[in-house]
Amino acid sequence: MIPRNARRGVDASHKLGRYRWVVERSIAKFSRFRRLIIRYERSADLYLAFLTLATAIICFRTLYPVLC
């Protein structure tokens, strides 16, 4: 991800909203997994494993919406 800020005369601020929307939508998809919102795991390895699993589930649901 590259941070984007509006600069005078170069970028219009109303065009930056579409980039922000993608990030907010991605965070909202992860918020559906309660275990990731409230971090129950003490070790980072388990949290990373659940984050990877959530990413795989999100990708699967995006690619195969009929099966879910």
PDB file of N, CA and C in Angstrom:
ATOM      1  N   MET A   1       0.825  -1.167   0.000  1.00  0.00           N
ATOM      2  CA  MET A   1       0.000   0.000   0.000  1.00  0.00           C
ATOM      3  C   MET A   1       0.878   1.242   0.000  1.00  0.00           C
ATOM      4  N   ILE A   2       0.509   2.164  -0.793  1.00  0.00           N
ATOM      5  CA  ILE A   2       1.234   3.431  -0.849  1.00  0.00           C
ATOM      6  C   ILE A   2       0.321   4.507  -0.277  1.00  0.00           C
ATOM      7  N   PRO A   3       0.769   5.264   0.720  1.00  0.00           N
ATOM      8  CA  PRO A   3      -0.082   6.326   1.242  1.00  0.00           C
ATOM      9  C   PRO A   3      -0.250   7.427   0.209  1.00  0.00           C
ATOM     10  N   ARG A   4      -1.457   7.935   0.105  1.00  0.00           N
ATOM     11  CA  ARG A   4      -1.743   8.980  -0.869  1.00  0.00           C
ATOM     12  C   ARG A   4      -2.336  10.179  -0.147  1.00  0.00           C
ATOM     13  N   ASN A   5      -1.746  11.323  -0.344  1.00  0.00           N
ATOM     14  CA  ASN A   5      -2.243  12.571   0.222  1.00  0.00           C
ATOM     15  C   ASN A   5      -2.486  13.543  -0.922  1.00  0.00           C
ATOM     16  N   ALA A   6      -3.510  14.346  -0.769  1.00  0.00           N
ATOM     17  CA  ALA A   6      -3.804  15.350  -1.793  1.00  0.00           C
ATOM     18  C   ALA A   6      -2.806  16.500  -1.670  1.00  0.00           C
ATOM     19  N   ARG A   7      -2.231  16.878  -2.797  1.00  0.00           N
ATOM     20  CA  ARG A   7      -1.321  18.026  -2.829  1.00  0.00           C
ATOM     21  C   ARG A   7      -1.957  19.108  -3.688  1.00  0.00           C
ATOM     22  N   ARG A   8      -1.732  20.327  -3.337  1.00  0.00           N
ATOM     23  CA  ARG A   8      -2.334  21.430  -4.076  1.00  0.00           C
ATOM     24  C   ARG A   8      -1.852  21.446  -5.520  1.00  0.00           C
ATOM     25  N   GLY A   9      -2.794  21.504  -6.418  1.00  0.00           N
ATOM     26  CA  GLY A   9      -2.468  21.604  -7.832  1.00  0.00           C
ATOM     27  C   GLY A   9      -2.080  20.291  -8.485  1.00  0.00           C
ATOM     28  N   VAL A  10      -1.853  19.244  -7.733  1.00  0.00           N
ATOM     29  CA  VAL A  10      -1.434  17.972  -8.307  1.00  0.00           C
ATOM     30  C   VAL A  10      -2.564  16.944  -8.237  1.00  0.00           C
ATOM     31  N   ASP A  11      -3.070  16.677  -7.040  1.00  0.00           N
ATOM     32  CA  ASP A  11      -4.136  15.693  -6.839  1.00  0.00           C
ATOM     33  C   ASP A  11      -5.380  16.385  -6.316  1.00  0.00           C
ATOM     34  N   ALA A  12      -6.510  15.917  -6.781  1.00  0.00           N
ATOM     35  CA  ALA A  12      -7.769  16.409  -6.245  1.00  0.00           C
ATOM     36  C   ALA A  12      -8.166  15.541  -5.060  1.00  0.00           C
ATOM     37  N   SER A  13      -8.662  16.141  -4.018  1.00  0.00           N
ATOM     38  CA  SER A  13      -8.982  15.381  -2.813  1.00  0.00           C
ATOM     39  C   SER A  13     -10.182  14.472  -3.004  1.00  0.00           C
ATOM     40  N   HIS A  14     -11.083  14.778  -3.926  1.00  0.00           N
ATOM     41  CA  HIS A  14     -12.256  13.924  -4.112  1.00  0.00           C
ATOM     42  C   HIS A  14     -11.906  12.611  -4.819  1.00  0.00           C
ATOM     43  N   LYS A  15     -10.782  12.516  -5.468  1.00  0.00           N
ATOM     44  CA  LYS A  15     -10.366  11.272  -6.129  1.00  0.00           C
ATOM     45  C   LYS A  15      -9.675  10.309  -5.175  1.00  0.00           C
ATOM     46  N   LEU A  16      -9.252  10.781  -4.012  1.00  0.00           N
ATOM     47  CA  LEU A  16      -8.541   9.924  -3.078  1.00  0.00           C
ATOM     48  C   LEU A  16      -9.476   8.992  -2.331  1.00  0.00           C
ATOM     49  N   GLY A  17     -10.762   9.249  -2.347  1.00  0.00           N
ATOM     50  CA  GLY A  17     -11.723   8.435  -1.625  1.00  0.00           C
ATOM     51  C   GLY A  17     -11.797   7.005  -2.113  1.00  0.00           C
ATOM     52  N   ARG A  18     -11.592   6.770  -3.400  1.00  0.00           N
ATOM     53  CA  ARG A  18     -11.684   5.407  -3.914  1.00  0.00           C
ATOM     54  C   ARG A  18     -10.560   4.528  -3.389  1.00  0.00           C
ATOM     55  N   TYR A  19      -9.400   5.084  -3.123  1.00  0.00           N
ATOM     56  CA  TYR A  19      -8.303   4.297  -2.559  1.00  0.00           C
ATOM     57  C   TYR A  19      -8.574   3.988  -1.090  1.00  0.00           C
ATOM     58  N   ARG A  20      -9.126   4.938  -0.378  1.00  0.00           N
ATOM     59  CA  ARG A  20      -9.430   4.725   1.030  1.00  0.00           C
ATOM     60  C   ARG A  20     -10.525   3.677   1.187  1.00  0.00           C
ATOM     61  N   TRP A  21     -11.465   3.645   0.273  1.00  0.00           N
ATOM     62  CA  TRP A  21     -12.569   2.708   0.348  1.00  0.00           C
ATOM     63  C   TRP A  21     -12.079   1.268   0.255  1.00  0.00           C
ATOM     64  N   VAL A  22     -11.074   1.006  -0.543  1.00  0.00           N
ATOM     65  CA  VAL A  22     -10.518  -0.345  -0.688  1.00  0.00           C
ATOM     66  C   VAL A  22      -9.928  -0.812   0.635  1.00  0.00           C
ATOM     67  N   VAL A  23      -9.220   0.053   1.307  1.00  0.00           N
ATOM     68  CA  VAL A  23      -8.606  -0.297   2.593  1.00  0.00           C
ATOM     69  C   VAL A  23      -9.685  -0.524   3.648  1.00  0.00           C
ATOM     70  N   GLU A  24     -10.673   0.346   3.702  1.00  0.00           N
ATOM     71  CA  GLU A  24     -11.743   0.195   4.689  1.00  0.00           C
ATOM     72  C   GLU A  24     -12.552  -1.065   4.445  1.00  0.00           C
ATOM     73  N   ARG A  25     -12.762  -1.414   3.195  1.00  0.00           N
ATOM     74  CA  ARG A  25     -13.492  -2.640   2.869  1.00  0.00           C
ATOM     75  C   ARG A  25     -12.695  -3.866   3.302  1.00  0.00           C
ATOM     76  N   SER A  26     -11.388  -3.828   3.123  1.00  0.00           N
ATOM     77  CA  SER A  26     -10.547  -4.953   3.527  1.00  0.00           C
ATOM     78  C   SER A  26     -10.542  -5.125   5.044  1.00  0.00           C
ATOM     79  N   ILE A  27     -10.470  -4.030   5.772  1.00  0.00           N
ATOM     80  CA  ILE A  27     -10.500  -4.103   7.228  1.00  0.00           C
ATOM     81  C   ILE A  27     -11.859  -4.600   7.703  1.00  0.00           C
ATOM     82  N   ALA A  28     -12.925  -4.190   7.028  1.00  0.00           N
ATOM     83  CA  ALA A  28     -14.268  -4.643   7.400  1.00  0.00           C
ATOM     84  C   ALA A  28     -14.425  -6.145   7.195  1.00  0.00           C
ATOM     85  N   LYS A  29     -13.786  -6.687   6.171  1.00  0.00           N
ATOM     86  CA  LYS A  29     -13.856  -8.132   5.955  1.00  0.00           C
ATOM     87  C   LYS A  29     -13.167  -8.892   7.085  1.00  0.00           C
ATOM     88  N   PHE A  30     -12.071  -8.370   7.588  1.00  0.00           N
ATOM     89  CA  PHE A  30     -11.387  -9.029   8.704  1.00  0.00           C
ATOM     90  C   PHE A  30     -12.168  -8.872  10.008  1.00  0.00           C
ATOM     91  N   SER A  31     -12.977  -7.822  10.111  1.00  0.00           N
ATOM     92  CA  SER A  31     -13.722  -7.618  11.349  1.00  0.00           C
ATOM     93  C   SER A  31     -14.874  -8.609  11.502  1.00  0.00           C
ATOM     94  N   ARG A  32     -15.177  -9.372  10.484  1.00  0.00           N
ATOM     95  CA  ARG A  32     -16.203 -10.402  10.590  1.00  0.00           C
ATOM     96  C   ARG A  32     -15.733 -11.585  11.422  1.00  0.00           C
ATOM     97  N   PHE A  33     -14.443 -11.701  11.612  1.00  0.00           N
ATOM     98  CA  PHE A  33     -13.873 -12.795  12.390  1.00  0.00           C
ATOM     99  C   PHE A  33     -13.629 -12.290  13.811  1.00  0.00           C
ATOM    100  N   ARG A  34     -14.469 -12.728  14.736  1.00  0.00           N
ATOM    101  CA  ARG A  34     -14.427 -12.220  16.093  1.00  0.00           C
ATOM    102  C   ARG A  34     -13.101 -12.510  16.777  1.00  0.00           C
ATOM    103  N   ARG A  35     -12.508 -13.609  16.449  1.00  0.00           N
ATOM    104  CA  ARG A  35     -11.256 -13.987  17.094  1.00  0.00           C
ATOM    105  C   ARG A  35     -10.116 -13.029  16.716  1.00  0.00           C
ATOM    106  N   LEU A  36     -10.229 -12.360  15.579  1.00  0.00           N
ATOM    107  CA  LEU A  36      -9.208 -11.404  15.176  1.00  0.00           C
ATOM    108  C   LEU A  36      -9.462 -10.016  15.753  1.00  0.00           C
ATOM    109  N   ILE A  37     -10.731  -9.697  16.016  1.00  0.00           N
ATOM    110  CA  ILE A  37     -11.044  -8.384  16.584  1.00  0.00           C
ATOM    111  C   ILE A  37     -10.523  -8.304  18.009  1.00  0.00           C
ATOM    112  N   ILE A  38     -10.926  -9.284  18.816  1.00  0.00           N
ATOM    113  CA  ILE A  38     -10.438  -9.369  20.194  1.00  0.00           C
ATOM    114  C   ILE A  38      -9.338 -10.416  20.199  1.00  0.00           C
ATOM    115  N   ARG A  39      -8.138  -9.994  20.452  1.00  0.00           N
ATOM    116  CA  ARG A  39      -7.003 -10.900  20.336  1.00  0.00           C
ATOM    117  C   ARG A  39      -6.914 -11.771  21.580  1.00  0.00           C
ATOM    118  N   TYR A  40      -7.380 -13.014  21.444  1.00  0.00           N
ATOM    119  CA  TYR A  40      -7.360 -13.960  22.557  1.00  0.00           C
ATOM    120  C   TYR A  40      -6.001 -14.640  22.699  1.00  0.00           C
ATOM    121  N   GLU A  41      -5.283 -14.798  21.600  1.00  0.00           N
ATOM    122  CA  GLU A  41      -4.006 -15.509  21.621  1.00  0.00           C
ATOM    123  C   GLU A  41      -2.902 -14.626  22.197  1.00  0.00           C
ATOM    124  N   ARG A  42      -2.081 -15.228  23.022  1.00  0.00           N
ATOM    125  CA  ARG A  42      -0.958 -14.480  23.588  1.00  0.00           C
ATOM    126  C   ARG A  42       0.253 -14.500  22.660  1.00  0.00           C
ATOM    127  N   SER A  43       0.410 -15.567  21.918  1.00  0.00           N
ATOM    128  CA  SER A  43       1.590 -15.650  21.055  1.00  0.00           C
ATOM    129  C   SER A  43       1.265 -15.100  19.666  1.00  0.00           C
ATOM    130  N   ALA A  44       2.263 -14.504  19.080  1.00  0.00           N
ATOM    131  CA  ALA A  44       2.096 -13.906  17.757  1.00  0.00           C
ATOM    132  C   ALA A  44       1.940 -14.979  16.678  1.00  0.00           C
ATOM    133  N   ASP A  45       2.505 -16.168  16.903  1.00  0.00           N
ATOM    134  CA  ASP A  45       2.410 -17.230  15.905  1.00  0.00           C
ATOM    135  C   ASP A  45       0.965 -17.681  15.701  1.00  0.00           C
ATOM    136  N   LEU A  46       0.238 -17.834  16.795  1.00  0.00           N
ATOM    137  CA  LEU A  46      -1.157 -18.241  16.678  1.00  0.00           C
ATOM    138  C   LEU A  46      -2.011 -17.154  16.041  1.00  0.00           C
ATOM    139  N   TYR A  47      -1.754 -15.912  16.391  1.00  0.00           N
ATOM    140  CA  TYR A  47      -2.499 -14.807  15.794  1.00  0.00           C
ATOM    141  C   TYR A  47      -2.229 -14.731  14.293  1.00  0.00           C
ATOM    142  N   LEU A  48      -0.985 -14.911  13.895  1.00  0.00           N
ATOM    143  CA  LEU A  48      -0.639 -14.905  12.477  1.00  0.00           C
ATOM    144  C   LEU A  48      -1.297 -16.074  11.751  1.00  0.00           C
ATOM    145  N   ALA A  49      -1.384 -17.223  12.411  1.00  0.00           N
ATOM    146  CA  ALA A  49      -2.039 -18.381  11.802  1.00  0.00           C
ATOM    147  C   ALA A  49      -3.524 -18.112  11.575  1.00  0.00           C
ATOM    148  N   PHE A  50      -4.199 -17.511  12.566  1.00  0.00           N
ATOM    149  CA  PHE A  50      -5.617 -17.190  12.398  1.00  0.00           C
ATOM    150  C   PHE A  50      -5.819 -16.091  11.363  1.00  0.00           C
ATOM    151  N   LEU A  51      -4.891 -15.157  11.286  1.00  0.00           N
ATOM    152  CA  LEU A  51      -4.967 -14.108  10.274  1.00  0.00           C
ATOM    153  C   LEU A  51      -4.802 -14.695   8.871  1.00  0.00           C
ATOM    154  N   THR A  52      -3.895 -15.649   8.728  1.00  0.00           N
ATOM    155  CA  THR A  52      -3.696 -16.329   7.445  1.00  0.00           C
ATOM    156  C   THR A  52      -4.921 -17.149   7.075  1.00  0.00           C
ATOM    157  N   LEU A  53      -5.507 -17.818   8.052  1.00  0.00           N
ATOM    158  CA  LEU A  53      -6.716 -18.593   7.805  1.00  0.00           C
ATOM    159  C   LEU A  53      -7.875 -17.685   7.390  1.00  0.00           C
ATOM    160  N   ALA A  54      -8.022 -16.553   8.054  1.00  0.00           N
ATOM    161  CA  ALA A  54      -9.069 -15.603   7.683  1.00  0.00           C
ATOM    162  C   ALA A  54      -8.854 -15.069   6.272  1.00  0.00           C
ATOM    163  N   THR A  55      -7.617 -14.801   5.913  1.00  0.00           N
ATOM    164  CA  THR A  55      -7.310 -14.338   4.562  1.00  0.00           C
ATOM    165  C   THR A  55      -7.676 -15.392   3.526  1.00  0.00           C
ATOM    166  N   ALA A  56      -7.376 -16.649   3.812  1.00  0.00           N
ATOM    167  CA  ALA A  56      -7.722 -17.734   2.896  1.00  0.00           C
ATOM    168  C   ALA A  56      -9.237 -17.873   2.748  1.00  0.00           C
ATOM    169  N   ILE A  57      -9.965 -17.735   3.856  1.00  0.00           N
ATOM    170  CA  ILE A  57     -11.427 -17.833   3.793  1.00  0.00           C
ATOM    171  C   ILE A  57     -12.011 -16.670   2.998  1.00  0.00           C
ATOM    172  N   ILE A  58     -11.485 -15.469   3.202  1.00  0.00           N
ATOM    173  CA  ILE A  58     -11.964 -14.302   2.456  1.00  0.00           C
ATOM    174  C   ILE A  58     -11.709 -14.475   0.962  1.00  0.00           C
ATOM    175  N   CYS A  59     -10.533 -14.955   0.597  1.00  0.00           N
ATOM    176  CA  CYS A  59     -10.213 -15.183  -0.819  1.00  0.00           C
ATOM    177  C   CYS A  59     -11.112 -16.263  -1.408  1.00  0.00           C
ATOM    178  N   PHE A  60     -11.356 -17.321  -0.673  1.00  0.00           N
ATOM    179  CA  PHE A  60     -12.222 -18.392  -1.157  1.00  0.00           C
ATOM    180  C   PHE A  60     -13.649 -17.886  -1.383  1.00  0.00           C
ATOM    181  N   ARG A  61     -14.159 -17.099  -0.434  1.00  0.00           N
ATOM    182  CA  ARG A  61     -15.513 -16.560  -0.570  1.00  0.00           C
ATOM    183  C   ARG A  61     -15.616 -15.570  -1.719  1.00  0.00           C
ATOM    184  N   THR A  62     -14.530 -14.861  -1.997  1.00  0.00           N
ATOM    185  CA  THR A  62     -14.539 -13.914  -3.099  1.00  0.00           C
ATOM    186  C   THR A  62     -14.512 -14.631  -4.446  1.00  0.00           C
ATOM    187  N   LEU A  63     -13.711 -15.685  -4.540  1.00  0.00           N
ATOM    188  CA  LEU A  63     -13.576 -16.403  -5.806  1.00  0.00           C
ATOM    189  C   LEU A  63     -14.730 -17.349  -6.084  1.00  0.00           C
ATOM    190  N   TYR A  64     -15.306 -17.940  -5.042  1.00  0.00           N
ATOM    191  CA  TYR A  64     -16.387 -18.900  -5.214  1.00  0.00           C
ATOM    192  C   TYR A  64     -17.605 -18.492  -4.375  1.00  0.00           C
ATOM    193  N   PRO A  65     -18.300 -17.429  -4.756  1.00  0.00           N
ATOM    194  CA  PRO A  65     -19.434 -16.974  -3.939  1.00  0.00           C
ATOM    195  C   PRO A  65     -20.628 -17.922  -3.980  1.00  0.00           C
ATOM    196  N   VAL A  66     -20.707 -18.766  -4.978  1.00  0.00           N
ATOM    197  CA  VAL A  66     -21.834 -19.699  -5.099  1.00  0.00           C
ATOM    198  C   VAL A  66     -21.739 -20.797  -4.057  1.00  0.00           C
ATOM    199  N   LEU A  67     -20.547 -21.216  -3.708  1.00  0.00           N
ATOM    200  CA  LEU A  67     -20.366 -22.323  -2.772  1.00  0.00           C
ATOM    201  C   LEU A  67     -20.565 -21.921  -1.320  1.00  0.00           C
ATOM    202  N   CYS A  68     -20.492 -20.635  -1.015  1.00  0.00           N
ATOM    203  CA  CYS A  68     -20.577 -20.189   0.387  1.00  0.00           C
ATOM    204  C   CYS A  68     -21.989 -19.902   0.803  1.00  0.00           C
TER     205      CYS A  68
END
